[in-house]
Each structure stands twice: as structure tokens, then as C-alpha cells.
Amino acid sequence: TVACIAGGVLGATWGLSAVPLSWRRMVHGWPGLNDRGLVELTAGILGRDEGEWPLMNHFDYTGYGDISSWAVHPHDSGVVLAAVGAVTTPDPRAVDVTAVVSLCRMGRDDMPLPNVDAKNWIQVPLVDSPNGNAHTQFLVDQAADAIAEFRAEGHRVLVHCVQAMSRTPSIAARYSVRHRGIDSDTALRDVCGALPLSSPKPFLVECI
């Protein structure tokens, strides 16, 4: 109970994006709610309607252009960099993926990959806009750390946003800098070389 009250106060003060992702993997509520379930419960209390994100089964990205990008991370073959289509329309190349870091909005049923347990699906509230995030550097670092945490547990990790243009290459490059010992210029160049649609936003490049 004390932990719940303390977490509630901290969350109310700083917002969801300030809660470490490693904590969110462990958080749970009655009756059996996980991290996403608790976010949905909050959205319902705030008056959001069923069908409005996050209270939705499917987030439709079909009108967002090419969502089929796929590449192996140039500095870690255990990490896959992809667009959202690799997740929502299961790609046979993802059969051995066991953990996912989602950098865009996803519906409840948008994780059909057969070997990904709910506790190994992290959804990062990172908005692809310089004014859209309260804690941008913290979120970027947390996403990179989540990849490292999954890899340390032996997972093959898929990292994705909508088109793998900005958020995915940025987080992948930050992972290289923070956990693979690669300098930032090399990390960004190599990751963008692997993802031909890459065009990281300047505010994310600053975080790398």
C-alpha cells in the first residue's frame, strides 16, 4: 500500500513518461492488471471512450506509407530494427523475436508475435515532436536501456516505430552509444545506413 501511494504521488507529479521502464515491466494491479491495464484504467477514469487510444484493440497505420522496413542492428545482431508492419502483420523473420520495444501507439491486439510474452512488450511514450515530450532525454535513455536489459536476459529484441524513420534509428543509435561503446557519429551513420528511410528528427539526434 505504501508503495502504491508513493508511486501514485510520483506519477501524478512527474507523469507516466518519468516512470523508469524497468519499473513498468514489474508493476501490477488488482485484479491481474499489468502496466498497460493500469494505463487503460486511468484513461477510463479520465473519461476517454472505448475506441480512443489507449482504449482500443487496434491502431490503424495503413495510411502512414511504407511500414515494412526491416534491418538487423549493425552493432548487435540480436536486435532487429523495424517499422510497425513487422509487428502487426507478423513477419516470418520475427519468429525468434521474444521481446519488443514499441515507440509508437499500439492497440491491445497489435502484438501477434507468438513468442513475445506481455511482460516483454514495452511501450515507450515517446512522441516524434520536439515539444511533445516532458522528459525527452530520459525517455530516449530509458528505451536504449530497455533494449540492453532485454538482451542481458537473452532475448532477441525488435525495436520499432511507425516507419522506422526517426524514433527507431535514434533509439538504436543511442543504444550503440550507451551500451555498445560506439561513438555517436558512427552509431547514427551505421544505423541510418541499415535503414534506408531513416531521417531522425534533430531533437532526437541531440539526445544521441
N, C-alpha and C. Protein backbone atom coordinates (compact mmCIF):
# COMPACT_ATOMS: atom_id res chain seq x y z
N THR A 1 0.83 -1.20 0.00
CA THR A 1 0.00 0.00 0.00
C THR A 1 0.86 1.25 0.00
N VAL A 2 1.92 1.25 0.82
CA VAL A 2 2.83 2.41 0.85
C VAL A 2 3.46 2.62 -0.52
N ALA A 3 3.87 1.52 -1.16
CA ALA A 3 4.48 1.63 -2.49
C ALA A 3 3.49 2.20 -3.50
N CYS A 4 2.24 1.77 -3.42
CA CYS A 4 1.21 2.29 -4.34
C CYS A 4 1.00 3.79 -4.16
N ILE A 5 0.92 4.21 -2.90
CA ILE A 5 0.71 5.64 -2.62
C ILE A 5 1.92 6.45 -3.11
N ALA A 6 3.13 5.98 -2.80
CA ALA A 6 4.33 6.70 -3.22
C ALA A 6 4.41 6.76 -4.74
N GLY A 7 4.12 5.63 -5.41
CA GLY A 7 4.14 5.61 -6.87
C GLY A 7 3.09 6.52 -7.47
N GLY A 8 1.91 6.54 -6.84
CA GLY A 8 0.84 7.41 -7.33
C GLY A 8 1.21 8.88 -7.24
N VAL A 9 1.83 9.27 -6.12
CA VAL A 9 2.24 10.66 -5.94
C VAL A 9 3.32 11.03 -6.95
N LEU A 10 4.31 10.16 -7.12
CA LEU A 10 5.37 10.44 -8.09
C LEU A 10 4.83 10.51 -9.51
N GLY A 11 3.92 9.56 -9.84
CA GLY A 11 3.33 9.56 -11.18
C GLY A 11 2.51 10.81 -11.43
N ALA A 12 1.74 11.23 -10.44
CA ALA A 12 0.92 12.44 -10.59
C ALA A 12 1.78 13.68 -10.74
N THR A 13 2.94 13.68 -10.07
CA THR A 13 3.82 14.83 -10.11
C THR A 13 4.59 14.92 -11.43
N TRP A 14 5.15 13.78 -11.87
CA TRP A 14 6.07 13.80 -13.00
C TRP A 14 5.48 13.23 -14.28
N GLY A 15 4.41 12.47 -14.20
CA GLY A 15 3.81 11.89 -15.40
C GLY A 15 4.35 10.52 -15.73
N LEU A 16 3.60 9.81 -16.59
CA LEU A 16 3.96 8.43 -16.95
C LEU A 16 5.35 8.34 -17.57
N SER A 17 5.71 9.34 -18.38
CA SER A 17 6.98 9.25 -19.10
C SER A 17 8.19 9.35 -18.19
N ALA A 18 7.99 9.71 -16.92
CA ALA A 18 9.10 9.78 -15.98
C ALA A 18 9.26 8.50 -15.16
N VAL A 19 8.38 7.53 -15.37
CA VAL A 19 8.48 6.26 -14.64
C VAL A 19 9.46 5.36 -15.37
N PRO A 20 10.53 4.89 -14.72
CA PRO A 20 11.51 4.03 -15.39
C PRO A 20 10.84 2.80 -16.02
N LEU A 21 11.26 2.46 -17.23
CA LEU A 21 10.65 1.34 -17.94
C LEU A 21 10.87 0.02 -17.21
N SER A 22 12.00 -0.11 -16.52
CA SER A 22 12.25 -1.35 -15.78
C SER A 22 11.24 -1.52 -14.66
N TRP A 23 10.78 -0.42 -14.07
CA TRP A 23 9.73 -0.49 -13.06
C TRP A 23 8.41 -0.88 -13.69
N ARG A 24 8.12 -0.30 -14.88
CA ARG A 24 6.85 -0.58 -15.53
C ARG A 24 6.73 -2.04 -15.95
N ARG A 25 7.84 -2.69 -16.21
CA ARG A 25 7.78 -4.12 -16.52
C ARG A 25 7.29 -4.93 -15.33
N MET A 26 7.57 -4.44 -14.13
CA MET A 26 7.25 -5.20 -12.92
C MET A 26 5.92 -4.82 -12.30
N VAL A 27 5.40 -3.63 -12.66
CA VAL A 27 4.23 -3.12 -11.97
C VAL A 27 3.01 -3.99 -12.27
N HIS A 28 2.13 -4.11 -11.30
CA HIS A 28 0.92 -4.92 -11.47
C HIS A 28 -0.16 -4.37 -10.54
N GLY A 29 -1.40 -4.67 -10.89
CA GLY A 29 -2.50 -4.20 -10.06
C GLY A 29 -3.59 -5.25 -9.97
N TRP A 30 -4.49 -5.05 -9.06
CA TRP A 30 -5.60 -5.99 -8.87
C TRP A 30 -6.72 -5.60 -9.82
N PRO A 31 -7.42 -6.51 -10.49
CA PRO A 31 -7.17 -7.97 -10.46
C PRO A 31 -6.36 -8.40 -11.68
N GLY A 32 -5.08 -8.54 -11.53
CA GLY A 32 -4.23 -9.02 -12.60
C GLY A 32 -3.88 -8.01 -13.67
N LEU A 33 -4.02 -6.71 -13.39
CA LEU A 33 -3.69 -5.70 -14.39
C LEU A 33 -2.18 -5.51 -14.51
N ASN A 34 -1.71 -5.45 -15.74
CA ASN A 34 -0.31 -5.12 -15.97
C ASN A 34 -0.17 -3.63 -16.25
N ASP A 35 1.00 -3.24 -16.72
CA ASP A 35 1.28 -1.83 -16.98
C ASP A 35 0.25 -1.21 -17.91
N ARG A 36 -0.01 -1.85 -19.04
CA ARG A 36 -0.97 -1.29 -19.98
C ARG A 36 -2.37 -1.25 -19.37
N GLY A 37 -2.75 -2.30 -18.62
CA GLY A 37 -4.07 -2.32 -18.00
C GLY A 37 -4.27 -1.17 -17.04
N LEU A 38 -3.22 -0.81 -16.32
CA LEU A 38 -3.32 0.31 -15.39
C LEU A 38 -3.42 1.65 -16.13
N VAL A 39 -2.70 1.75 -17.27
CA VAL A 39 -2.82 2.95 -18.09
C VAL A 39 -4.25 3.07 -18.63
N GLU A 40 -4.83 1.95 -19.06
CA GLU A 40 -6.21 1.97 -19.57
C GLU A 40 -7.19 2.34 -18.46
N LEU A 41 -6.95 1.83 -17.26
CA LEU A 41 -7.82 2.16 -16.14
C LEU A 41 -7.80 3.66 -15.88
N THR A 42 -6.62 4.26 -15.94
CA THR A 42 -6.50 5.70 -15.76
C THR A 42 -7.23 6.46 -16.86
N ALA A 43 -7.07 5.98 -18.12
CA ALA A 43 -7.74 6.64 -19.24
C ALA A 43 -9.25 6.61 -19.07
N GLY A 44 -9.78 5.48 -18.56
CA GLY A 44 -11.21 5.38 -18.32
C GLY A 44 -11.68 6.35 -17.24
N ILE A 45 -10.89 6.49 -16.19
CA ILE A 45 -11.22 7.42 -15.12
C ILE A 45 -11.24 8.86 -15.65
N LEU A 46 -10.34 9.14 -16.59
CA LEU A 46 -10.26 10.48 -17.17
C LEU A 46 -11.34 10.74 -18.21
N GLY A 47 -12.15 9.72 -18.49
CA GLY A 47 -13.29 9.93 -19.38
C GLY A 47 -13.07 9.59 -20.84
N ARG A 48 -11.97 8.94 -21.18
CA ARG A 48 -11.77 8.55 -22.58
C ARG A 48 -12.72 7.42 -22.95
N ASP A 49 -13.14 7.43 -24.21
CA ASP A 49 -14.11 6.45 -24.70
C ASP A 49 -13.41 5.21 -25.24
N GLU A 50 -14.11 4.08 -25.17
CA GLU A 50 -13.62 2.85 -25.80
C GLU A 50 -13.45 3.12 -27.29
N GLY A 51 -12.32 2.72 -27.83
CA GLY A 51 -12.01 3.01 -29.22
C GLY A 51 -11.08 4.18 -29.39
N GLU A 52 -10.91 4.96 -28.31
CA GLU A 52 -9.94 6.06 -28.29
C GLU A 52 -8.68 5.55 -27.61
N TRP A 53 -7.53 5.85 -28.21
CA TRP A 53 -6.28 5.34 -27.62
C TRP A 53 -6.10 5.86 -26.19
N PRO A 54 -5.68 5.01 -25.23
CA PRO A 54 -5.23 3.63 -25.38
C PRO A 54 -6.34 2.58 -25.27
N LEU A 55 -7.58 3.01 -25.22
CA LEU A 55 -8.69 2.06 -25.04
C LEU A 55 -9.16 1.53 -26.40
N MET A 56 -8.25 0.86 -27.09
CA MET A 56 -8.57 0.36 -28.42
C MET A 56 -7.85 -0.95 -28.67
N ASN A 57 -8.46 -1.79 -29.50
CA ASN A 57 -7.86 -3.09 -29.81
C ASN A 57 -6.83 -2.99 -30.92
N HIS A 58 -7.02 -2.03 -31.84
CA HIS A 58 -6.11 -1.94 -32.97
C HIS A 58 -5.91 -0.48 -33.36
N PHE A 59 -4.66 -0.10 -33.56
CA PHE A 59 -4.34 1.23 -34.05
C PHE A 59 -3.96 1.09 -35.51
N ASP A 60 -4.73 1.70 -36.40
CA ASP A 60 -4.59 1.50 -37.84
C ASP A 60 -3.51 2.42 -38.42
N TYR A 61 -2.43 1.80 -38.92
CA TYR A 61 -1.35 2.55 -39.54
C TYR A 61 -1.29 2.36 -41.06
N THR A 62 -2.34 1.83 -41.65
CA THR A 62 -2.29 1.52 -43.09
C THR A 62 -2.15 2.77 -43.95
N GLY A 63 -2.53 3.93 -43.47
CA GLY A 63 -2.42 5.15 -44.27
C GLY A 63 -1.14 5.92 -44.03
N TYR A 64 -0.17 5.31 -43.37
CA TYR A 64 1.04 6.02 -42.98
C TYR A 64 2.22 5.77 -43.92
N GLY A 65 1.98 5.24 -45.12
CA GLY A 65 3.07 4.99 -46.05
C GLY A 65 3.70 3.63 -45.84
N ASP A 66 4.96 3.53 -46.19
CA ASP A 66 5.69 2.26 -46.11
C ASP A 66 5.95 1.90 -44.65
N ILE A 67 5.34 0.80 -44.21
CA ILE A 67 5.54 0.34 -42.82
C ILE A 67 6.14 -1.07 -42.82
N SER A 68 7.01 -1.33 -43.81
CA SER A 68 7.58 -2.67 -43.95
C SER A 68 9.08 -2.73 -43.70
N SER A 69 9.71 -1.62 -43.30
CA SER A 69 11.17 -1.62 -43.12
C SER A 69 11.61 -2.67 -42.11
N TRP A 70 12.77 -3.24 -42.38
CA TRP A 70 13.33 -4.29 -41.52
C TRP A 70 14.84 -4.29 -41.67
N ALA A 71 15.57 -4.32 -40.57
CA ALA A 71 17.03 -4.39 -40.63
C ALA A 71 17.56 -4.98 -39.32
N VAL A 72 18.70 -5.62 -39.41
CA VAL A 72 19.39 -6.08 -38.22
C VAL A 72 20.28 -4.94 -37.72
N HIS A 73 20.28 -4.73 -36.43
CA HIS A 73 21.09 -3.66 -35.85
C HIS A 73 22.56 -3.87 -36.24
N PRO A 74 23.21 -2.84 -36.76
CA PRO A 74 24.59 -3.02 -37.23
C PRO A 74 25.61 -3.32 -36.14
N HIS A 75 25.27 -3.08 -34.89
CA HIS A 75 26.22 -3.32 -33.80
C HIS A 75 25.78 -4.42 -32.85
N ASP A 76 24.64 -5.04 -33.13
CA ASP A 76 24.15 -6.13 -32.28
C ASP A 76 23.15 -6.96 -33.09
N SER A 77 23.56 -8.12 -33.51
CA SER A 77 22.70 -8.96 -34.35
C SER A 77 21.49 -9.51 -33.60
N GLY A 78 21.47 -9.33 -32.29
CA GLY A 78 20.32 -9.77 -31.50
C GLY A 78 19.22 -8.73 -31.41
N VAL A 79 19.39 -7.62 -32.13
CA VAL A 79 18.40 -6.54 -32.13
C VAL A 79 17.93 -6.32 -33.56
N VAL A 80 16.63 -6.28 -33.74
CA VAL A 80 16.02 -6.03 -35.04
C VAL A 80 15.41 -4.63 -35.03
N LEU A 81 15.60 -3.89 -36.10
CA LEU A 81 15.03 -2.55 -36.25
C LEU A 81 13.97 -2.61 -37.34
N ALA A 82 12.77 -2.16 -37.04
CA ALA A 82 11.68 -2.38 -37.99
C ALA A 82 10.63 -1.29 -37.91
N ALA A 83 9.77 -1.29 -38.92
CA ALA A 83 8.56 -0.48 -38.91
C ALA A 83 7.43 -1.28 -38.28
N VAL A 84 6.31 -0.64 -38.02
CA VAL A 84 5.23 -1.27 -37.27
C VAL A 84 4.64 -2.48 -38.00
N GLY A 85 4.74 -2.53 -39.31
CA GLY A 85 4.18 -3.65 -40.06
C GLY A 85 4.81 -4.98 -39.70
N ALA A 86 6.06 -4.97 -39.22
CA ALA A 86 6.72 -6.21 -38.83
C ALA A 86 6.10 -6.82 -37.59
N VAL A 87 5.34 -6.00 -36.87
CA VAL A 87 4.69 -6.48 -35.64
C VAL A 87 3.23 -6.79 -35.88
N THR A 88 2.50 -5.85 -36.47
CA THR A 88 1.06 -6.02 -36.62
C THR A 88 0.69 -7.03 -37.70
N THR A 89 1.54 -7.21 -38.69
CA THR A 89 1.38 -8.27 -39.68
C THR A 89 2.61 -9.15 -39.55
N PRO A 90 2.51 -10.22 -38.78
CA PRO A 90 3.70 -10.97 -38.39
C PRO A 90 4.62 -11.30 -39.57
N ASP A 91 5.86 -10.88 -39.44
CA ASP A 91 6.89 -11.15 -40.44
C ASP A 91 7.56 -12.46 -40.08
N PRO A 92 7.70 -13.40 -41.03
CA PRO A 92 8.34 -14.67 -40.70
C PRO A 92 9.76 -14.51 -40.17
N ARG A 93 10.39 -13.40 -40.49
CA ARG A 93 11.74 -13.16 -39.96
C ARG A 93 11.72 -12.86 -38.47
N ALA A 94 10.53 -12.58 -37.92
CA ALA A 94 10.42 -12.24 -36.50
C ALA A 94 10.06 -13.44 -35.63
N VAL A 95 10.14 -14.63 -36.19
CA VAL A 95 9.68 -15.80 -35.45
C VAL A 95 10.48 -16.04 -34.17
N ASP A 96 11.74 -15.61 -34.15
CA ASP A 96 12.56 -15.82 -32.96
C ASP A 96 12.66 -14.58 -32.08
N VAL A 97 11.85 -13.56 -32.37
CA VAL A 97 11.80 -12.37 -31.51
C VAL A 97 11.05 -12.71 -30.24
N THR A 98 11.63 -12.36 -29.09
CA THR A 98 10.99 -12.67 -27.80
C THR A 98 10.73 -11.44 -26.95
N ALA A 99 11.14 -10.27 -27.43
CA ALA A 99 10.87 -9.02 -26.70
C ALA A 99 10.72 -7.89 -27.71
N VAL A 100 9.85 -6.94 -27.39
CA VAL A 100 9.57 -5.83 -28.31
C VAL A 100 9.58 -4.51 -27.54
N VAL A 101 10.21 -3.51 -28.15
CA VAL A 101 10.17 -2.14 -27.65
C VAL A 101 9.41 -1.32 -28.68
N SER A 102 8.18 -0.93 -28.35
CA SER A 102 7.33 -0.16 -29.25
C SER A 102 7.49 1.32 -28.95
N LEU A 103 7.76 2.10 -30.00
CA LEU A 103 7.97 3.54 -29.85
C LEU A 103 6.83 4.34 -30.44
N CYS A 104 5.70 3.68 -30.70
CA CYS A 104 4.51 4.36 -31.23
C CYS A 104 3.28 3.76 -30.57
N ARG A 105 2.13 4.36 -30.80
CA ARG A 105 0.90 3.89 -30.18
C ARG A 105 0.49 2.53 -30.75
N MET A 106 0.08 1.65 -29.85
CA MET A 106 -0.31 0.30 -30.25
C MET A 106 -1.62 -0.06 -29.55
N GLY A 107 -2.46 -0.85 -30.23
CA GLY A 107 -3.68 -1.34 -29.63
C GLY A 107 -3.44 -2.61 -28.83
N ARG A 108 -4.46 -3.04 -28.12
CA ARG A 108 -4.34 -4.23 -27.26
C ARG A 108 -3.93 -5.47 -28.05
N ASP A 109 -4.47 -5.60 -29.28
CA ASP A 109 -4.25 -6.82 -30.07
C ASP A 109 -3.16 -6.65 -31.11
N ASP A 110 -2.38 -5.60 -31.01
CA ASP A 110 -1.36 -5.32 -32.02
C ASP A 110 -0.02 -5.98 -31.72
N MET A 111 -0.03 -7.08 -30.99
CA MET A 111 1.19 -7.82 -30.70
C MET A 111 0.96 -9.30 -30.98
N PRO A 112 0.85 -9.67 -32.27
CA PRO A 112 0.58 -11.07 -32.58
C PRO A 112 1.81 -11.96 -32.63
N LEU A 113 3.01 -11.41 -32.37
CA LEU A 113 4.21 -12.25 -32.44
C LEU A 113 4.10 -13.35 -31.39
N PRO A 114 4.22 -14.60 -31.81
CA PRO A 114 3.85 -15.73 -30.94
C PRO A 114 4.74 -15.93 -29.72
N ASN A 115 5.99 -15.47 -29.77
CA ASN A 115 6.92 -15.77 -28.69
C ASN A 115 7.19 -14.59 -27.78
N VAL A 116 6.34 -13.56 -27.86
CA VAL A 116 6.54 -12.36 -27.03
C VAL A 116 5.52 -12.37 -25.91
N ASP A 117 5.98 -12.58 -24.69
CA ASP A 117 5.12 -12.52 -23.52
C ASP A 117 4.78 -11.06 -23.22
N ALA A 118 3.61 -10.84 -22.63
CA ALA A 118 3.15 -9.47 -22.34
C ALA A 118 4.17 -8.69 -21.52
N LYS A 119 4.84 -9.34 -20.59
CA LYS A 119 5.79 -8.63 -19.73
C LYS A 119 7.06 -8.23 -20.49
N ASN A 120 7.23 -8.79 -21.69
CA ASN A 120 8.41 -8.46 -22.50
C ASN A 120 8.05 -7.56 -23.68
N TRP A 121 6.90 -6.89 -23.57
CA TRP A 121 6.49 -5.90 -24.56
C TRP A 121 6.42 -4.55 -23.86
N ILE A 122 7.41 -3.70 -24.13
CA ILE A 122 7.49 -2.37 -23.53
C ILE A 122 6.98 -1.34 -24.53
N GLN A 123 6.07 -0.48 -24.08
CA GLN A 123 5.58 0.60 -24.93
C GLN A 123 6.09 1.92 -24.36
N VAL A 124 6.91 2.60 -25.15
CA VAL A 124 7.58 3.82 -24.70
C VAL A 124 6.78 5.04 -25.16
N PRO A 125 6.34 5.89 -24.26
CA PRO A 125 5.53 7.06 -24.65
C PRO A 125 6.39 8.19 -25.21
N LEU A 126 7.10 7.89 -26.32
CA LEU A 126 7.99 8.87 -26.95
C LEU A 126 7.29 9.45 -28.17
N VAL A 127 7.04 10.74 -28.15
CA VAL A 127 6.35 11.43 -29.25
C VAL A 127 7.39 12.01 -30.21
N ASP A 128 7.15 11.87 -31.51
CA ASP A 128 8.12 12.30 -32.52
C ASP A 128 7.97 13.80 -32.81
N SER A 129 8.02 14.58 -31.74
CA SER A 129 7.88 16.04 -31.85
C SER A 129 8.72 16.68 -30.76
N PRO A 130 9.45 17.73 -31.08
CA PRO A 130 10.33 18.34 -30.07
C PRO A 130 9.58 18.89 -28.87
N ASN A 131 8.31 19.21 -29.03
CA ASN A 131 7.53 19.77 -27.93
C ASN A 131 6.55 18.77 -27.33
N GLY A 132 6.67 17.52 -27.74
CA GLY A 132 5.68 16.54 -27.33
C GLY A 132 6.06 15.71 -26.12
N ASN A 133 7.29 15.86 -25.62
CA ASN A 133 7.75 15.02 -24.53
C ASN A 133 8.21 15.87 -23.34
N ALA A 134 7.78 15.47 -22.17
CA ALA A 134 8.19 16.20 -20.97
C ALA A 134 9.62 15.85 -20.55
N HIS A 135 10.07 14.64 -20.90
CA HIS A 135 11.36 14.16 -20.42
C HIS A 135 12.09 13.44 -21.56
N THR A 136 12.40 14.16 -22.62
CA THR A 136 12.88 13.52 -23.85
C THR A 136 14.16 12.72 -23.64
N GLN A 137 15.19 13.33 -23.07
CA GLN A 137 16.46 12.61 -22.90
C GLN A 137 16.28 11.39 -22.01
N PHE A 138 15.52 11.55 -20.96
CA PHE A 138 15.25 10.42 -20.06
C PHE A 138 14.57 9.28 -20.81
N LEU A 139 13.57 9.61 -21.63
CA LEU A 139 12.84 8.58 -22.38
C LEU A 139 13.75 7.88 -23.38
N VAL A 140 14.57 8.65 -24.10
CA VAL A 140 15.49 8.06 -25.06
C VAL A 140 16.45 7.11 -24.37
N ASP A 141 17.01 7.54 -23.24
CA ASP A 141 17.93 6.68 -22.50
C ASP A 141 17.22 5.45 -21.94
N GLN A 142 16.00 5.63 -21.46
CA GLN A 142 15.24 4.50 -20.93
C GLN A 142 14.96 3.47 -22.01
N ALA A 143 14.61 3.93 -23.21
CA ALA A 143 14.34 3.00 -24.31
C ALA A 143 15.61 2.23 -24.68
N ALA A 144 16.74 2.94 -24.73
CA ALA A 144 18.01 2.26 -25.01
C ALA A 144 18.35 1.26 -23.91
N ASP A 145 18.10 1.64 -22.67
CA ASP A 145 18.38 0.74 -21.55
C ASP A 145 17.46 -0.48 -21.56
N ALA A 146 16.21 -0.29 -22.01
CA ALA A 146 15.28 -1.42 -22.10
C ALA A 146 15.80 -2.46 -23.08
N ILE A 147 16.35 -2.02 -24.20
CA ILE A 147 16.95 -2.95 -25.16
C ILE A 147 18.07 -3.73 -24.48
N ALA A 148 18.94 -3.01 -23.78
CA ALA A 148 20.07 -3.65 -23.10
C ALA A 148 19.60 -4.64 -22.04
N GLU A 149 18.56 -4.27 -21.32
CA GLU A 149 18.02 -5.15 -20.28
C GLU A 149 17.47 -6.44 -20.89
N PHE A 150 16.73 -6.31 -21.97
CA PHE A 150 16.21 -7.50 -22.66
C PHE A 150 17.36 -8.36 -23.20
N ARG A 151 18.37 -7.74 -23.77
CA ARG A 151 19.48 -8.51 -24.33
C ARG A 151 20.22 -9.26 -23.22
N ALA A 152 20.37 -8.60 -22.06
CA ALA A 152 21.05 -9.26 -20.93
C ALA A 152 20.28 -10.47 -20.45
N GLU A 153 18.95 -10.48 -20.67
CA GLU A 153 18.12 -11.61 -20.29
C GLU A 153 18.07 -12.69 -21.38
N GLY A 154 18.78 -12.46 -22.49
CA GLY A 154 18.86 -13.46 -23.54
C GLY A 154 17.82 -13.33 -24.64
N HIS A 155 17.08 -12.21 -24.68
CA HIS A 155 16.04 -12.03 -25.68
C HIS A 155 16.61 -11.55 -27.01
N ARG A 156 15.91 -11.91 -28.09
CA ARG A 156 16.11 -11.23 -29.37
C ARG A 156 15.05 -10.13 -29.41
N VAL A 157 15.50 -8.89 -29.59
CA VAL A 157 14.65 -7.73 -29.38
C VAL A 157 14.29 -7.07 -30.71
N LEU A 158 13.02 -6.74 -30.88
CA LEU A 158 12.57 -5.96 -32.03
C LEU A 158 12.23 -4.56 -31.53
N VAL A 159 12.81 -3.55 -32.17
CA VAL A 159 12.56 -2.15 -31.83
C VAL A 159 11.86 -1.52 -33.03
N HIS A 160 10.75 -0.85 -32.80
CA HIS A 160 10.02 -0.29 -33.93
C HIS A 160 9.30 0.99 -33.56
N CYS A 161 9.08 1.82 -34.59
CA CYS A 161 8.12 2.92 -34.53
C CYS A 161 7.19 2.72 -35.72
N VAL A 162 6.65 3.75 -36.31
CA VAL A 162 5.70 3.56 -37.41
C VAL A 162 6.40 3.16 -38.70
N GLN A 163 7.35 3.98 -39.15
CA GLN A 163 8.03 3.72 -40.41
C GLN A 163 9.54 3.47 -40.26
N ALA A 164 10.02 3.42 -39.03
CA ALA A 164 11.46 3.25 -38.76
C ALA A 164 12.26 4.40 -39.39
N MET A 165 11.70 5.59 -39.34
CA MET A 165 12.35 6.75 -39.94
C MET A 165 13.09 7.62 -38.91
N SER A 166 12.49 7.86 -37.75
CA SER A 166 13.07 8.81 -36.81
C SER A 166 13.32 8.19 -35.43
N ARG A 167 12.25 7.73 -34.79
CA ARG A 167 12.41 7.21 -33.44
C ARG A 167 13.24 5.92 -33.40
N THR A 168 12.95 4.99 -34.30
CA THR A 168 13.69 3.71 -34.28
C THR A 168 15.18 3.90 -34.49
N PRO A 169 15.62 4.59 -35.56
CA PRO A 169 17.07 4.76 -35.70
C PRO A 169 17.71 5.57 -34.57
N SER A 170 16.95 6.51 -34.01
CA SER A 170 17.50 7.31 -32.91
C SER A 170 17.74 6.46 -31.67
N ILE A 171 16.76 5.64 -31.31
CA ILE A 171 16.91 4.79 -30.13
C ILE A 171 17.98 3.74 -30.39
N ALA A 172 18.02 3.20 -31.61
CA ALA A 172 19.04 2.21 -31.94
C ALA A 172 20.44 2.79 -31.83
N ALA A 173 20.61 4.03 -32.30
CA ALA A 173 21.91 4.68 -32.21
C ALA A 173 22.28 4.99 -30.76
N ARG A 174 21.30 5.42 -29.98
CA ARG A 174 21.57 5.70 -28.56
C ARG A 174 21.97 4.42 -27.83
N TYR A 175 21.35 3.30 -28.20
CA TYR A 175 21.72 2.01 -27.62
C TYR A 175 23.19 1.71 -27.94
N SER A 176 23.61 1.97 -29.17
CA SER A 176 25.00 1.73 -29.56
C SER A 176 25.96 2.57 -28.73
N VAL A 177 25.59 3.84 -28.52
CA VAL A 177 26.45 4.74 -27.75
C VAL A 177 26.49 4.34 -26.29
N ARG A 178 25.33 4.06 -25.75
CA ARG A 178 25.20 3.85 -24.30
C ARG A 178 25.64 2.46 -23.85
N HIS A 179 25.49 1.47 -24.76
CA HIS A 179 25.73 0.09 -24.31
C HIS A 179 26.68 -0.71 -25.19
N ARG A 180 27.09 -0.17 -26.35
CA ARG A 180 28.00 -0.92 -27.22
C ARG A 180 29.33 -0.21 -27.42
N GLY A 181 29.50 0.96 -26.79
CA GLY A 181 30.77 1.66 -26.85
C GLY A 181 31.08 2.30 -28.19
N ILE A 182 30.05 2.66 -28.96
CA ILE A 182 30.23 3.27 -30.28
C ILE A 182 30.06 4.78 -30.14
N ASP A 183 30.91 5.55 -30.83
CA ASP A 183 30.75 7.00 -30.77
C ASP A 183 29.49 7.41 -31.51
N SER A 184 28.94 8.56 -31.16
CA SER A 184 27.61 8.94 -31.63
C SER A 184 27.54 9.12 -33.15
N ASP A 185 28.56 9.71 -33.76
CA ASP A 185 28.53 9.91 -35.20
C ASP A 185 28.52 8.57 -35.94
N THR A 186 29.38 7.66 -35.51
CA THR A 186 29.44 6.34 -36.15
C THR A 186 28.15 5.58 -35.92
N ALA A 187 27.63 5.65 -34.71
CA ALA A 187 26.39 4.93 -34.39
C ALA A 187 25.26 5.38 -35.29
N LEU A 188 25.09 6.69 -35.42
CA LEU A 188 23.99 7.22 -36.23
C LEU A 188 24.20 6.90 -37.70
N ARG A 189 25.43 7.03 -38.18
CA ARG A 189 25.71 6.73 -39.59
C ARG A 189 25.43 5.27 -39.91
N ASP A 190 25.87 4.36 -39.06
CA ASP A 190 25.70 2.93 -39.32
C ASP A 190 24.23 2.52 -39.24
N VAL A 191 23.52 3.04 -38.25
CA VAL A 191 22.11 2.68 -38.11
C VAL A 191 21.31 3.22 -39.28
N CYS A 192 21.55 4.47 -39.65
CA CYS A 192 20.82 5.05 -40.78
C CYS A 192 21.18 4.35 -42.09
N GLY A 193 22.39 3.84 -42.18
CA GLY A 193 22.77 3.07 -43.35
C GLY A 193 22.01 1.76 -43.46
N ALA A 194 21.66 1.20 -42.31
CA ALA A 194 20.90 -0.06 -42.31
C ALA A 194 19.43 0.16 -42.61
N LEU A 195 18.92 1.35 -42.30
CA LEU A 195 17.50 1.68 -42.52
C LEU A 195 17.42 2.79 -43.56
N PRO A 196 17.17 2.45 -44.81
CA PRO A 196 17.24 3.45 -45.90
C PRO A 196 16.24 4.59 -45.79
N LEU A 197 15.14 4.42 -45.05
CA LEU A 197 14.17 5.50 -44.90
C LEU A 197 14.50 6.44 -43.74
N SER A 198 15.62 6.20 -43.08
CA SER A 198 15.97 6.95 -41.87
C SER A 198 16.08 8.44 -42.11
N SER A 199 15.47 9.19 -41.20
CA SER A 199 15.60 10.65 -41.19
C SER A 199 15.30 11.14 -39.77
N PRO A 200 16.21 10.87 -38.84
CA PRO A 200 15.96 11.21 -37.43
C PRO A 200 15.73 12.71 -37.24
N LYS A 201 14.77 13.05 -36.41
CA LYS A 201 14.49 14.45 -36.11
C LYS A 201 15.68 15.05 -35.33
N PRO A 202 15.99 16.31 -35.59
CA PRO A 202 17.14 16.95 -34.93
C PRO A 202 17.09 16.86 -33.41
N PHE A 203 15.91 16.97 -32.81
CA PHE A 203 15.84 16.94 -31.34
C PHE A 203 16.23 15.57 -30.80
N LEU A 204 15.99 14.51 -31.60
CA LEU A 204 16.41 13.17 -31.20
C LEU A 204 17.89 12.97 -31.45
N VAL A 205 18.40 13.53 -32.51
CA VAL A 205 19.84 13.45 -32.79
C VAL A 205 20.62 14.08 -31.62
N GLU A 206 20.11 15.17 -31.09
CA GLU A 206 20.77 15.80 -29.93
C GLU A 206 20.83 14.85 -28.74
N CYS A 207 19.82 14.02 -28.59
CA CYS A 207 19.79 13.08 -27.47
C CYS A 207 20.79 11.94 -27.64
N ILE A 208 21.13 11.64 -28.89
CA ILE A 208 22.07 10.55 -29.14
C ILE A 208 23.46 10.91 -28.65
